[in-house]
Protein backbone atom coordinates (compact mmCIF):
# COMPACT_ATOMS: atom_id res chain seq x y z
CA MET A 1 164.47 151.48 70.66
CA LEU A 2 164.76 154.65 72.78
CA ASN A 3 167.04 157.58 71.95
CA LEU A 4 169.25 156.94 75.00
CA PHE A 5 172.93 156.53 74.08
CA SER A 6 175.48 155.34 76.63
CA SER A 7 178.20 157.65 77.93
CA LYS A 8 181.73 156.38 77.28
CA ILE A 9 183.49 158.54 79.87
CA SER A 10 184.04 158.22 83.59
CA LYS A 11 182.42 160.56 86.11
CA THR A 12 185.78 162.15 86.87
CA VAL A 13 186.23 165.88 86.24
CA LYS A 14 189.60 167.53 85.61
CA ARG A 15 189.98 171.16 86.65
CA GLN A 16 192.91 172.87 84.90
CA TYR A 17 194.30 176.06 86.48
CA TYR A 18 196.12 178.71 84.42
CA TYR A 19 198.14 181.74 85.47
CA ASN A 20 199.21 184.46 83.02
CA PRO A 21 201.00 187.32 84.79
CA ASP A 22 200.90 189.56 81.70
CA ILE A 23 197.10 189.70 81.15
CA PRO A 24 194.22 190.35 83.60
CA PRO A 25 192.37 187.07 84.38
CA GLU A 26 189.09 188.29 82.84
CA GLU A 27 190.78 189.15 79.54
CA PHE A 28 192.77 185.90 79.48
CA ALA A 29 189.58 183.89 80.19
CA ALA A 30 187.65 185.72 77.44
CA ASN A 31 190.38 184.95 74.90
CA MET A 32 190.46 181.29 75.92
CA GLU A 33 186.67 181.01 75.70
CA ARG A 34 186.62 182.51 72.21
CA VAL A 35 189.12 180.06 70.71
CA ASN A 36 187.94 176.95 72.60
CA ASN A 37 184.14 177.43 72.76
CA LEU A 38 184.39 176.52 76.45
CA SER A 39 183.48 178.43 79.59
CA PHE A 40 186.46 179.53 81.74
CA SER A 41 186.19 180.82 85.32
CA THR A 42 188.32 183.44 87.04
CA SER A 43 189.54 184.47 90.47
CA LYS A 44 191.81 187.33 91.52
CA ASP A 45 194.76 185.90 89.59
CA LEU A 46 193.83 182.44 88.28
CA VAL A 47 191.80 181.16 85.32
CA TRP A 48 190.44 177.61 85.22
CA VAL A 49 188.36 175.28 83.11
CA GLU A 50 186.56 172.05 84.02
CA LEU A 51 186.82 169.19 81.54
CA PRO A 52 185.60 165.60 81.33
CA ASP A 53 188.19 162.85 81.68
CA LEU A 54 189.18 162.81 77.99
CA GLU A 55 192.16 163.77 75.87
CA ILE A 56 191.21 167.37 75.09
CA GLN A 57 193.60 169.80 73.44
CA ILE A 58 193.15 173.33 74.78
CA LYS A 59 194.03 176.02 72.22
CA PRO A 60 196.39 177.66 71.53
CA LYS A 61 199.31 175.35 72.22
CA GLN A 62 201.07 178.23 73.96
CA SER A 63 198.41 178.10 76.69
CA GLN A 64 200.25 175.09 78.11
CA ASP A 65 202.98 177.50 79.20
CA PHE A 66 200.50 179.01 81.65
CA LEU A 67 199.07 175.72 82.98
CA ARG A 68 199.89 175.54 86.69
CA GLU A 69 197.89 172.62 88.10
CA VAL A 70 195.42 169.88 87.16
CA GLU A 71 192.99 168.89 89.90
CA THR A 72 191.11 165.58 89.67
CA ILE A 73 187.59 165.63 91.14
CA GLU A 74 185.62 162.43 91.68
CA ASN A 75 182.20 161.59 93.13
CA ASP A 76 180.70 165.01 92.39
CA GLU A 77 177.75 164.13 90.18
CA GLN A 78 176.40 167.66 89.79
CA LEU A 79 179.80 168.98 88.70
CA PHE A 80 180.17 166.07 86.27
CA ILE A 81 176.77 166.78 84.69
CA LYS A 82 177.53 170.50 84.35
CA THR A 83 180.95 169.75 82.84
CA PHE A 84 179.55 167.16 80.43
CA TYR A 85 176.92 169.62 79.15
CA LYS A 86 179.57 172.31 78.62
CA TYR A 87 181.75 169.93 76.63
CA LEU A 88 178.83 168.73 74.51
CA LYS A 89 178.02 172.37 73.78
CA LYS A 90 181.61 172.90 72.61
CA LEU A 91 181.40 169.92 70.26
CA PHE A 92 178.17 171.15 68.68
CA ILE A 93 179.46 174.72 68.22
CA ASP A 94 182.75 173.44 66.78
CA ASN A 95 180.68 171.64 64.14
CA GLY A 96 178.55 174.56 62.99
CA TYR A 97 175.54 174.43 65.33
CA ILE A 98 173.88 177.30 67.19
CA SER A 99 173.43 176.72 70.92
CA THR A 100 169.97 177.87 72.07
CA ARG A 101 167.80 177.42 75.16
CA ASN A 102 167.10 174.01 76.70
CA ASN A 103 170.10 172.38 75.01
CA LEU A 104 168.64 172.72 71.51
CA TYR A 105 171.30 172.88 68.79
CA ILE A 106 170.35 174.24 65.37
CA SER A 107 172.35 173.41 62.26
CA LEU A 108 173.11 176.32 59.94
CA ASN A 109 174.42 173.91 57.31
CA ASP A 110 171.14 172.06 56.65
CA LYS A 111 168.85 174.82 55.43
CA LYS A 112 165.89 174.00 53.17
CA MET A 113 163.20 176.38 51.94
CA LEU A 114 159.55 175.50 52.44
CA SER A 115 157.40 174.91 49.38
CA SER A 116 154.37 176.64 50.92
CA ASN A 117 156.29 179.82 51.82
CA GLN A 118 159.80 180.29 50.47
CA GLU A 119 160.38 183.18 52.85
CA VAL A 120 160.73 180.47 55.53
CA SER A 121 163.28 177.64 55.76
CA TYR A 122 163.69 174.72 58.11
CA HIS A 123 166.90 173.63 59.82
CA GLU A 124 167.76 170.23 61.25
CA SER A 125 168.13 170.54 65.01
CA TYR A 126 168.90 168.27 67.95
CA GLN A 127 167.83 168.54 71.58
CA ILE A 128 169.91 166.72 74.17
CA LYS A 129 169.49 165.74 77.82
CA LEU A 130 171.51 163.59 80.21
CA TYR A 131 169.84 160.83 82.23
CA ASN A 132 171.30 158.83 85.10
CA LEU A 133 169.73 155.37 84.87
CA LYS A 134 170.92 152.46 87.00
CA ASP A 135 174.07 154.41 87.91
CA ASN A 136 175.08 154.97 84.29
CA PHE A 137 174.70 158.13 82.23
CA TYR A 138 172.86 158.17 78.91
CA LEU A 139 172.46 161.03 76.47
CA SER A 140 169.03 161.38 74.89
CA ILE A 141 169.14 162.97 71.44
CA THR A 142 165.89 164.11 69.85
CA PRO A 143 165.84 165.39 66.24
CA ARG A 144 163.69 168.46 65.68
CA LEU A 145 163.01 170.99 62.94
CA THR A 146 163.53 174.70 63.55
CA PHE A 147 161.79 177.18 61.26
CA LEU A 148 163.59 180.47 60.57
CA SER A 149 163.22 183.18 57.97
CA THR A 150 165.14 182.37 54.80
CA LYS A 151 166.67 185.84 54.76
CA PRO A 152 167.91 187.97 57.66
CA ALA A 153 165.07 189.75 59.46
CA HIS A 154 165.67 193.19 57.95
CA GLU A 155 165.26 191.66 54.45
CA SER A 156 162.47 189.17 55.22
CA LYS A 157 158.80 189.55 54.30
CA ALA A 158 157.72 186.76 56.69
CA ARG A 159 157.77 188.65 59.96
CA SER A 160 157.06 187.28 63.42
CA SER A 161 157.18 188.39 67.05
CA TYR A 162 160.66 187.06 67.88
CA LEU A 163 164.14 187.03 66.40
CA LEU A 164 166.96 184.53 66.85
CA ASN A 165 170.53 185.80 66.98
CA THR A 166 172.46 183.11 65.11
CA LYS A 167 175.72 184.05 66.83
CA SER A 168 174.61 184.07 70.47
CA GLY A 169 171.61 181.71 70.19
CA ARG A 170 169.48 184.18 72.15
CA SER A 171 165.96 185.30 71.20
CA PHE A 172 164.66 188.87 71.33
CA PRO A 173 161.26 190.49 70.70
CA TYR A 174 161.10 192.14 67.29
CA ILE A 175 160.26 195.87 67.26
CA SER A 176 160.82 197.14 63.70
CA SER A 177 163.07 197.06 60.64
CA LEU A 178 162.36 200.42 59.02
CA ASP A 179 164.80 201.52 56.32
CA GLY A 180 166.93 198.44 56.96
CA VAL A 181 167.52 199.39 60.61
CA LEU A 182 166.62 196.44 62.83
CA THR A 183 165.34 197.27 66.32
CA ILE A 184 164.91 194.69 69.08
CA GLN A 185 163.74 194.72 72.70
CA LEU A 186 166.25 193.80 75.41
CA PRO A 187 165.36 191.78 78.54
CA ASP A 188 165.18 194.97 80.64
CA GLY A 189 162.51 196.39 78.30
CA GLU A 190 164.81 198.86 76.56
CA THR A 191 164.98 198.92 72.74
CA LYS A 192 168.18 198.72 70.72
CA GLN A 193 169.18 199.14 67.09
CA VAL A 194 171.40 196.16 66.30
CA ARG A 195 174.84 196.61 64.75
CA PHE A 196 174.87 193.37 62.77
CA PRO A 197 171.33 192.78 61.43
CA GLU A 198 172.60 189.95 59.21
CA ASN A 199 172.82 187.77 62.36
CA TYR A 200 169.10 188.03 63.19
CA TYR A 201 166.42 185.75 61.73
CA PHE A 202 162.72 185.46 62.49
CA ASN A 203 161.52 182.30 64.22
CA TYR A 204 157.87 181.28 64.34
CA THR A 205 155.14 180.04 66.63
CA LEU A 206 152.48 177.66 65.30
CA THR A 207 149.96 180.53 65.29
CA GLU A 208 152.33 182.59 63.15
CA ALA A 209 152.87 179.58 60.88
CA GLU A 210 149.11 179.40 60.32
CA ARG A 211 149.00 183.11 59.51
CA LEU A 212 151.89 182.76 57.06
CA GLY A 213 150.42 179.66 55.44
CA PHE A 214 152.95 176.95 56.28
CA SER A 215 151.48 175.21 59.36
CA LYS A 216 150.30 172.18 57.35
CA GLU A 217 153.77 171.76 55.88
CA ILE A 218 155.22 171.66 59.41
CA TYR A 219 153.07 168.62 60.26
CA ARG A 220 153.91 166.98 56.93
CA LEU A 221 157.65 167.49 57.36
CA TYR A 222 157.64 166.08 60.88
CA LYS A 223 155.74 163.05 59.67
CA GLU A 224 158.05 162.46 56.69
CA ILE A 225 161.48 163.48 58.00
CA ILE A 226 161.87 162.87 61.73
CA ALA A 227 162.06 159.05 61.57
CA SER A 228 164.92 159.25 59.05
CA LEU A 229 166.74 161.83 61.20
CA TYR A 230 166.70 159.36 64.10
CA GLN A 231 168.38 156.79 61.86
CA LYS A 232 171.01 159.32 60.77
CA ILE A 233 171.98 160.45 64.29
CA PRO A 234 175.25 158.39 64.37
CA GLU A 235 176.22 159.83 60.98
CA LYS A 236 175.10 163.44 61.50
CA LEU A 237 176.51 163.66 65.03
CA ALA A 238 179.62 161.55 64.53
CA PHE A 239 181.62 164.24 66.36
CA LEU A 240 180.04 162.99 69.61
CA THR A 241 181.63 159.52 69.37
CA GLN A 242 184.46 160.64 71.64
CA CYS A 243 182.06 160.57 74.56
CA ILE A 244 178.90 158.76 73.37
CA GLY A 245 178.52 155.15 72.24
CA PHE A 246 175.89 155.18 69.49
CA GLU A 247 176.05 151.40 69.25
CA LYS A 248 175.02 151.01 72.89
CA THR A 249 171.55 152.24 73.80
CA TYR A 250 169.68 151.81 77.07
CA THR A 251 168.54 148.21 77.52
CA LEU A 252 164.92 147.65 78.50
CA GLY A 253 163.66 144.64 80.40
CA ASP A 254 161.60 141.97 78.64
CA ASP A 255 158.30 143.30 79.98
CA ALA A 256 159.31 146.97 80.16
CA LYS A 257 157.10 148.18 77.28
CA LYS A 258 153.32 147.86 77.51
CA LYS A 259 150.50 149.22 75.38
CA ILE A 260 147.87 150.66 77.72
CA THR A 261 144.27 150.20 76.63
CA THR A 262 141.65 152.52 78.07
CA THR A 263 138.16 151.09 78.48
CA TYR A 264 135.58 153.87 78.39
CA ARG A 265 132.26 152.66 79.79
CA PHE A 266 129.21 154.37 78.30
CA LYS A 267 125.50 153.78 78.78
CA ASN A 268 125.23 151.21 75.98
CA GLY A 269 128.62 149.54 76.08
CA THR A 270 132.38 150.09 76.15
CA ALA A 271 134.92 151.39 73.64
CA PRO A 272 138.66 152.20 73.58
CA VAL A 273 138.11 155.76 72.32
CA VAL A 274 135.94 158.53 73.75
CA LYS A 275 134.45 159.65 70.42
CA GLU A 276 132.28 156.52 70.55
CA ILE A 277 130.14 158.43 73.04
CA PHE A 278 127.95 159.58 70.13
CA ARG A 279 127.16 155.95 69.32
CA LEU A 280 126.99 154.49 72.83
CA MET A 281 125.58 157.54 74.70
CA PRO A 282 126.91 159.09 77.93
CA TYR A 283 127.23 156.85 80.97
CA GLN A 284 124.66 159.02 82.73
CA ASN A 285 122.64 161.99 81.51
CA ASN A 286 118.99 162.73 82.15
CA SER A 287 119.55 166.48 82.24
CA SER A 288 117.64 169.32 80.74
CA ILE A 289 119.55 172.38 79.62
CA LYS A 290 118.87 176.07 79.17
CA ILE A 291 120.86 177.93 76.52
CA ALA A 292 121.37 181.66 76.02
CA PHE A 293 122.89 183.20 72.87
CA PHE A 294 125.20 186.22 73.18
CA PHE A 295 126.42 188.42 70.32
CA PRO A 296 128.69 191.48 70.16
CA SER A 297 126.30 193.25 67.76
CA GLU A 298 123.16 192.92 65.68
CA LYS A 299 125.46 192.77 62.65
CA THR A 300 127.16 189.62 63.96
CA PHE A 301 123.78 188.05 64.70
CA ASN A 302 122.63 188.69 61.13
CA GLU A 303 125.87 187.26 59.72
CA VAL A 304 125.46 183.93 61.53
CA TYR A 305 121.65 183.77 61.44
CA PRO A 306 121.51 181.21 58.56
CA GLN A 307 123.73 178.83 60.52
CA LEU A 308 121.84 179.48 63.77
CA LYS A 309 118.58 178.64 62.04
CA THR A 310 120.02 175.45 60.53
CA LEU A 311 121.47 174.30 63.84
CA PHE A 312 119.07 175.44 66.51
CA VAL A 313 115.66 175.87 64.86
CA GLU A 314 115.31 172.92 62.51
CA LYS A 315 114.25 169.90 64.56
CA ASN A 316 116.18 167.44 62.38
CA SER A 317 119.46 169.36 62.64
CA ILE A 318 122.75 167.84 63.80
CA PHE A 319 122.37 169.82 67.02
CA TYR A 320 118.99 168.35 67.95
CA ARG A 321 119.85 164.83 66.84
CA THR A 322 123.13 164.84 68.75
CA MET A 323 121.87 166.52 71.92
CA HIS A 324 118.71 164.39 72.23
CA LEU A 325 119.44 161.05 70.60
CA GLU A 326 123.21 160.74 71.12
CA LEU A 327 124.01 162.74 74.27
CA GLY A 328 120.76 162.06 76.11
CA PHE A 329 119.57 165.58 76.99
CA GLN A 330 115.88 165.38 77.86
CA LYS A 331 114.87 168.97 77.18
CA ILE A 332 116.52 171.98 75.55
CA GLU A 333 115.17 175.45 76.28
CA TYR A 334 116.37 178.75 74.81
CA ILE A 335 116.38 181.72 77.17
CA ARG A 336 114.47 184.69 75.74
CA ASP A 337 114.98 188.37 76.44
CA PRO A 338 111.75 189.31 78.30
CA SER A 339 111.73 192.77 76.69
CA THR A 340 111.91 191.46 73.09
CA ASN A 341 110.84 187.82 73.44
CA GLN A 342 113.83 186.92 71.25
CA SER A 343 116.56 184.38 72.01
CA LYS A 344 119.44 186.79 71.69
CA PHE A 345 121.42 188.92 74.11
CA PHE A 346 124.29 191.32 73.53
CA TYR A 347 127.63 192.05 75.14
CA ASN A 348 130.24 194.77 74.71
CA GLU A 349 132.95 193.35 72.44
CA HIS A 350 135.67 195.33 74.26
CA THR A 351 134.71 194.81 77.92
CA PHE A 352 132.49 191.68 77.68
CA GLU A 353 129.87 193.38 79.86
CA ILE A 354 126.38 192.15 79.00
CA GLU A 355 123.33 194.34 78.59
CA LYS A 356 120.90 192.25 80.68
CA GLN A 357 123.18 191.67 83.67
CA SER A 358 120.45 191.94 86.32
CA TYR A 359 118.15 189.55 84.45
CA PHE A 360 120.73 186.74 84.52
CA GLU A 361 121.78 187.46 88.09
CA ASN A 362 118.17 186.78 89.16
CA LEU A 363 117.98 183.40 87.43
CA GLN A 364 117.83 180.48 89.84
CA GLU A 365 119.64 177.88 87.72
CA LYS A 366 122.65 177.56 85.48
CA VAL A 367 122.49 178.57 81.83
CA PHE A 368 124.93 177.55 79.11
CA GLY A 369 126.04 180.63 77.21
CA ILE A 370 126.80 180.28 73.49
CA ILE A 371 128.99 183.37 73.13
CA VAL A 372 129.77 184.25 69.52
CA LEU A 373 133.14 186.03 69.07
CA ASP A 374 133.91 188.12 66.00
CA TYR A 375 137.64 187.35 66.18
CA ASN A 376 140.40 185.74 68.24
CA TYR A 377 141.17 187.83 71.32
CA HIS A 378 144.68 188.10 72.73
CA SER A 379 143.08 187.64 76.15
CA ILE A 380 139.52 186.83 77.18
CA ASP A 381 140.07 187.21 80.93
CA ASP A 382 137.32 189.86 80.97
CA LEU A 383 134.78 187.29 79.77
CA PRO A 384 134.49 185.41 83.10
CA LYS A 385 135.04 188.69 84.96
CA HIS A 386 131.91 190.35 83.61
CA PHE A 387 129.57 187.50 82.76
CA PRO A 388 127.31 186.45 85.67
CA ASN A 389 128.33 183.27 87.52
CA VAL A 390 125.05 181.66 86.51
CA VAL A 391 126.26 181.53 82.87
CA LEU A 392 128.51 178.62 81.90
CA LEU A 393 130.87 180.08 79.32
CA GLY A 394 130.97 178.60 75.82
CA PRO A 395 132.75 181.03 73.48
CA ILE A 396 132.88 180.10 69.79
CA LEU A 397 134.40 181.99 66.87
CA LYS A 398 131.96 183.34 64.32
CA ALA A 399 134.06 181.79 61.55
CA LYS A 400 133.83 178.33 63.16
CA LEU A 401 130.07 178.66 63.48
CA GLN A 402 129.78 179.69 59.83
CA GLU A 403 131.81 176.67 58.68
CA LEU A 404 129.23 174.37 60.27
CA THR A 405 131.58 171.37 60.21
CA THR A 406 130.46 168.22 62.02
CA TYR A 407 133.79 168.02 63.90
CA VAL A 408 133.45 171.54 65.36
CA ILE A 409 129.74 171.26 66.18
CA LYS A 410 130.05 167.86 67.87
CA SER A 411 133.09 169.03 69.85
CA TYR A 412 131.09 172.02 71.04
CA MET A 413 128.14 169.86 72.10
CA TYR A 414 130.53 167.53 73.91
CA LYS A 415 131.75 170.58 75.85
CA ILE A 416 128.14 171.35 76.83
CA LEU A 417 127.89 167.80 78.18
CA ASN A 418 131.18 168.18 80.10
CA PHE A 419 129.92 171.38 81.73
CA THR A 420 126.63 169.75 82.78
CA GLN A 421 127.43 168.86 86.37
CA GLU A 422 124.72 166.20 86.70
CA ALA A 423 125.93 164.34 83.59
CA GLN A 424 128.67 161.71 83.46
CA ALA A 425 130.21 161.30 80.02
CA TYR A 426 131.91 157.99 80.85
CA ILE A 427 133.79 156.11 83.51
CA ILE A 428 137.10 154.32 82.98
CA ASP A 429 137.06 150.67 84.04
CA GLU A 430 140.79 150.53 84.82
CA ILE A 431 140.71 153.45 87.29
CA PRO A 432 139.80 152.27 90.80
CA LYS A 433 136.68 153.79 92.32
CA ASP A 434 136.92 155.91 95.47
CA THR A 435 140.18 157.48 94.24
CA LEU A 436 141.26 161.10 94.67
CA PHE A 437 143.77 162.66 92.29
CA ILE A 438 145.63 165.81 93.39
CA GLY A 439 147.87 167.97 91.20
CA ILE A 440 150.46 170.44 92.50
CA ASP A 441 152.46 173.05 90.61
CA LEU A 442 154.81 175.79 91.79
CA SER A 443 155.44 178.34 89.06
CA HIS A 444 157.82 181.29 89.18
CA ARG A 445 158.09 184.79 87.78
CA ALA A 446 161.71 185.91 87.83
CA THR A 447 160.91 189.52 86.87
CA THR A 448 158.87 190.12 90.04
CA ARG A 449 160.70 187.49 92.13
CA GLU A 450 157.42 185.81 93.00
CA SER A 451 156.10 182.25 93.05
CA THR A 452 152.58 180.91 92.61
CA LEU A 453 151.36 177.69 94.24
CA LEU A 454 148.55 175.91 92.42
CA LEU A 455 146.64 172.82 93.52
CA SER A 456 143.64 170.97 92.13
CA ALA A 457 141.81 167.79 93.09
CA VAL A 458 139.49 165.57 91.03
CA ASP A 459 137.74 162.30 91.77
CA ASN A 460 137.72 159.14 89.67
CA PHE A 461 134.57 160.42 87.93
CA SER A 462 136.62 163.43 86.68
CA LYS A 463 134.60 165.87 88.81
CA VAL A 464 136.66 168.79 90.10
CA ILE A 465 136.63 168.69 93.90
CA HIS A 466 138.92 171.57 94.81
CA VAL A 467 141.08 174.30 93.25
CA ALA A 468 143.50 176.46 95.27
CA GLN A 469 145.73 179.30 94.13
CA TYR A 470 148.36 181.14 96.21
CA ASN A 471 149.67 184.17 94.33
CA ARG A 472 152.58 186.53 94.95
CA LEU A 473 154.51 184.21 97.25
CA PRO A 474 158.19 185.01 97.85
CA LEU A 475 160.31 183.42 95.11
CA ASN A 476 161.13 179.90 96.28
CA GLU A 477 161.90 176.60 94.55
CA LYS A 478 160.25 174.67 97.39
CA ILE A 479 156.59 174.45 98.36
CA ASN A 480 155.73 175.34 101.94
CA ILE A 481 155.04 171.95 103.52
CA ASP A 482 152.43 173.24 105.99
CA THR A 483 150.45 174.91 103.19
CA LEU A 484 150.67 171.80 101.03
CA GLU A 485 149.46 169.52 103.82
CA GLU A 486 146.63 171.91 104.64
CA GLU A 487 145.42 171.86 101.01
CA ILE A 488 145.68 168.06 100.78
CA ILE A 489 143.57 167.74 103.94
CA LYS A 490 141.08 170.24 102.51
CA SER A 491 140.85 168.18 99.31
CA ILE A 492 140.17 165.01 101.31
CA SER A 493 137.50 166.83 103.32
CA LYS A 494 135.75 168.11 100.18
CA TYR A 495 135.88 164.63 98.68
CA GLN A 496 134.25 163.28 101.85
CA ASP A 497 131.56 165.98 101.69
CA LYS A 498 130.74 164.97 98.11
CA HIS A 499 130.96 161.18 98.42
CA GLY A 500 130.10 160.58 102.08
CA GLN A 501 133.41 158.82 102.80
CA LYS A 502 137.15 159.33 102.55
CA PRO A 503 138.92 158.25 99.35
CA GLN A 504 140.43 154.78 99.42
CA GLU A 505 143.57 156.01 97.64
CA ILE A 506 145.16 159.36 96.85
CA TYR A 507 147.52 160.09 93.97
CA ILE A 508 149.47 163.30 94.57
CA PHE A 509 151.15 164.51 91.37
CA ARG A 510 153.86 167.18 91.40
CA ASP A 511 154.57 169.05 88.15
CA GLY A 512 158.35 168.78 88.36
CA ILE A 513 160.52 167.13 90.99
CA TYR A 514 159.63 166.72 94.66
CA ILE A 515 162.51 168.65 96.23
CA GLU A 516 160.48 169.16 99.40
CA ASN A 517 160.64 166.83 102.39
CA ILE A 518 157.21 165.25 102.00
CA SER A 519 157.84 162.41 104.44
CA SER A 520 156.00 164.22 107.26
CA ILE A 521 152.86 164.53 105.12
CA SER A 522 153.13 160.86 104.20
CA THR A 523 153.49 159.89 107.87
CA ASN A 524 150.39 161.90 108.82
CA LEU A 525 148.36 160.36 105.99
CA GLU A 526 149.43 156.90 107.13
CA ALA A 527 148.33 157.73 110.66
CA GLU A 528 144.86 158.46 109.23
CA ASN A 529 144.89 155.13 107.33
CA VAL A 530 144.87 156.94 103.98
CA LYS A 531 146.63 154.98 101.25
CA HIS A 532 148.60 157.36 99.06
CA THR A 533 151.40 157.85 96.58
CA PHE A 534 153.52 160.88 95.68
CA VAL A 535 154.46 160.98 91.99
CA SER A 536 156.74 163.45 90.17
CA ILE A 537 155.71 164.29 86.60
CA ASN A 538 158.23 165.75 84.15
CA LYS A 539 156.53 167.07 81.01
CA GLN A 540 159.89 168.28 79.59
CA SER A 541 161.10 164.76 78.85
CA ASN A 542 163.57 164.35 76.01
CA ILE A 543 163.24 160.57 75.74
CA ASN A 544 161.70 159.51 72.46
CA SER A 545 161.94 157.02 69.63
CA GLN A 546 161.80 156.76 65.85
CA TYR A 547 159.01 154.22 66.35
CA THR A 548 155.38 155.06 67.08
CA LEU A 549 154.78 154.58 70.81
CA ALA A 550 151.49 156.39 71.41
CA GLU A 551 149.66 155.01 74.48
CA HIS A 552 152.69 152.99 75.61
CA LEU A 553 154.08 152.87 79.13
CA ILE A 554 157.78 152.01 79.49
CA LYS A 555 159.53 151.05 82.70
CA LEU A 556 163.06 152.47 82.96
CA THR A 557 163.96 151.56 86.56
CA GLU A 558 162.10 150.35 89.65
CA ASN A 559 160.45 153.73 90.20
CA LYS A 560 161.00 155.61 86.92
CA TYR A 561 158.70 155.28 83.89
CA ILE A 562 157.78 157.17 80.75
CA TYR A 563 154.49 157.22 78.89
CA PHE A 564 153.66 158.46 75.42
CA PRO A 565 150.32 160.31 75.34
CA ASP A 566 148.07 159.97 72.33
CA THR A 567 148.18 163.60 71.17
CA ILE A 568 147.58 165.17 67.78
CA ASN A 569 150.99 166.88 67.73
CA GLY A 570 154.37 165.19 67.38
CA GLN A 571 155.22 162.22 69.59
CA THR A 572 156.53 163.17 73.04
CA SER A 573 156.96 161.36 76.33
CA VAL A 574 156.24 162.28 79.94
CA GLU A 575 158.41 161.04 82.80
CA ILE A 576 157.00 159.45 85.95
CA ASP A 577 159.03 159.17 89.15
CA ILE A 578 157.23 157.38 91.99
CA THR A 579 158.70 159.07 95.05
CA ILE A 580 156.56 157.45 97.77
CA ASN A 581 154.20 154.49 97.42
CA LYS A 582 152.07 153.80 100.49
CA THR A 583 149.35 151.84 98.71
CA ASP A 584 148.70 148.14 98.21
CA LYS A 585 149.60 148.52 94.52
CA THR A 586 152.90 147.85 92.80
CA ASN A 587 154.83 150.67 91.16
CA ASP A 588 153.81 149.22 87.78
CA GLU A 589 150.14 149.61 88.73
CA ILE A 590 150.72 153.14 90.06
CA ALA A 591 152.43 154.13 86.80
CA LYS A 592 149.57 152.70 84.73
CA ILE A 593 146.92 154.57 86.73
CA THR A 594 149.02 157.74 86.47
CA TYR A 595 148.88 157.43 82.69
CA LEU A 596 145.15 156.63 82.75
CA SER A 597 144.52 159.80 84.76
CA THR A 598 145.27 161.71 81.54
CA LYS A 599 142.05 160.17 80.19
CA LEU A 600 139.82 161.40 83.01
CA TYR A 601 138.95 164.44 80.93
CA HIS A 602 138.90 165.14 77.20
CA PRO A 603 138.53 168.78 76.08
CA THR A 604 136.96 167.42 72.90
CA PRO A 605 136.02 163.85 71.96
CA TYR A 606 138.89 163.92 69.46
CA ALA A 607 141.76 165.11 71.70
CA SER A 608 143.58 163.69 74.74
CA LEU A 609 145.56 165.34 77.52
CA LYS A 610 149.32 165.09 77.82
CA LEU A 611 149.34 165.38 81.63
CA PRO A 612 147.25 163.86 84.43
CA TYR A 613 143.98 165.78 84.59
CA PRO A 614 144.69 167.66 87.87
CA LEU A 615 147.97 168.96 86.40
CA TYR A 616 146.13 170.03 83.24
CA ILE A 617 143.93 172.09 85.56
CA THR A 618 146.84 173.69 87.44
CA ASP A 619 148.49 174.46 84.10
CA LYS A 620 145.34 176.25 82.88
CA VAL A 621 144.91 178.13 86.17
CA GLY A 622 148.56 179.22 86.07
CA LYS A 623 148.42 180.49 82.49
CA LEU A 624 144.86 181.87 82.68
CA PRO A 625 144.26 183.00 86.28
CA ILE A 626 140.67 184.02 85.48
CA ALA A 627 139.81 182.57 82.07
CA TRP A 628 140.60 178.97 83.12
CA LYS A 629 136.93 178.51 84.02
CA ILE A 630 136.14 178.62 80.30
CA TYR A 631 138.07 175.36 79.88
CA ILE A 632 137.53 173.51 83.17
CA PRO A 633 134.03 172.44 84.31
CA TYR A 634 134.12 173.65 87.92
CA ARG A 635 131.33 175.02 90.07
């Protein structure tokens, strides 16, 4: 059922040493790499290659004259994994694939033009990853589609921001292609005119696909093609049969796969989906709300005035019906400019500074700001910088407002509810009360050799308890244990301040693998009688299936699980590794609650999170150090 194929080879690695007295080692190694598509290492006089324990013919035959020794290495798992990946790369390249980042291999032989834009073609691709499960290795193989320009970049009309070199597999920022001369940007920031422009093709982000008119075809192709590509893996990748057994996939236990049902409790009943909030009403909301409208210009105001009148003036509009009758707001008041007595305010479209700054700073209560944007900004960090803290930020594109679609308007009103601190959209029956969820992420910036530690904490009502951000730390793969423990204690303290008692259980999620020694923190939490669990979350999982598994939880081993979030994009899984469990719950229960923590918050009533909510927060804070407050309801 899963795309996990058993390895057929032992964990032994053979290291073959060569000595050629007539050629410098670096030159000899380069020649050997070119003809074998394998990586060779060098010393002062020797050249060597590491190979899996298979019958592998190194080219040319004459190279055997320079073979001096074969060393057999056992019980070195890291070396075996590295060697296995290198050999898999060789097999793909030998069979006409491009090797790119993250073990994604793109076929140049399966090229098909899109019907919606023939300047773009798609290529069958496969992403691979090794997994060690129950002391056996399995190769996960996930079919994907890669979209490249049909013609080389200097001839293509469908331009994008990045280019793929089909010889090296590396990507480069695109600068220009004037007069057939292709210029790229190198990693050090320098620009270069390429010698072989025929090797460079544009690749595309989803935003660029929308601009070029083929985004809908992407979704259609994935829906129609991917399942058949899973079935064709043994045929398409038959060259892997030397080391992979396609007939033997990972065996799951009888009760390993479970569909997880989420029970959202609203005021007037329960439902398995959050969009039923408009029928069943929020779990709790007796709030009144004040709204202020902000525009970049009088021109923009006039352009959207018909829609504003339809939505916010007419008492039978979808806005009034939804806010009062469906979402339970008791009173809606529009803030008026005291100098004009009109419900409109203006901001500078370049700096986001507002004209009536002092007026809002003197207000005693929060105001929800409906901020109309003329266009999509590359960055809106200046929006929370310059708007007063009293204004809860609700930017909306002018074009979206003009469309006046029910989906957009109801999603926007749901956001207003989410940002109303006194309101509670729903509670989830399956999530234990008195629970604290903590998310931790350590991100890195190689260019400045710095790390950033991010932490967030939310309660079982989805209210954000604490957010911490440590910037410009020395580059380090490990989190400082003292800092981590200090922030966990601070999160517990803030929870106690809010709820009048300590949490009964704490779930501490790490984005990535716990490589730190967290046993001391666990011991200290135990000493305080705090039940807790440390859980690693890997969002870069490559485990998948040709079958639809949305909202399923699958047990792989005693402490390893995967879940399939219910997202609008293609099916993906997230890996769970329960590192420490000091609760009264089984690992199965911990894994289920971990998945359910993705349902603590919905950005819209029609979309779900991929990650546990506290890790969604740390992800937003990491990517948008200032603008994250536009997306996360936090006071």
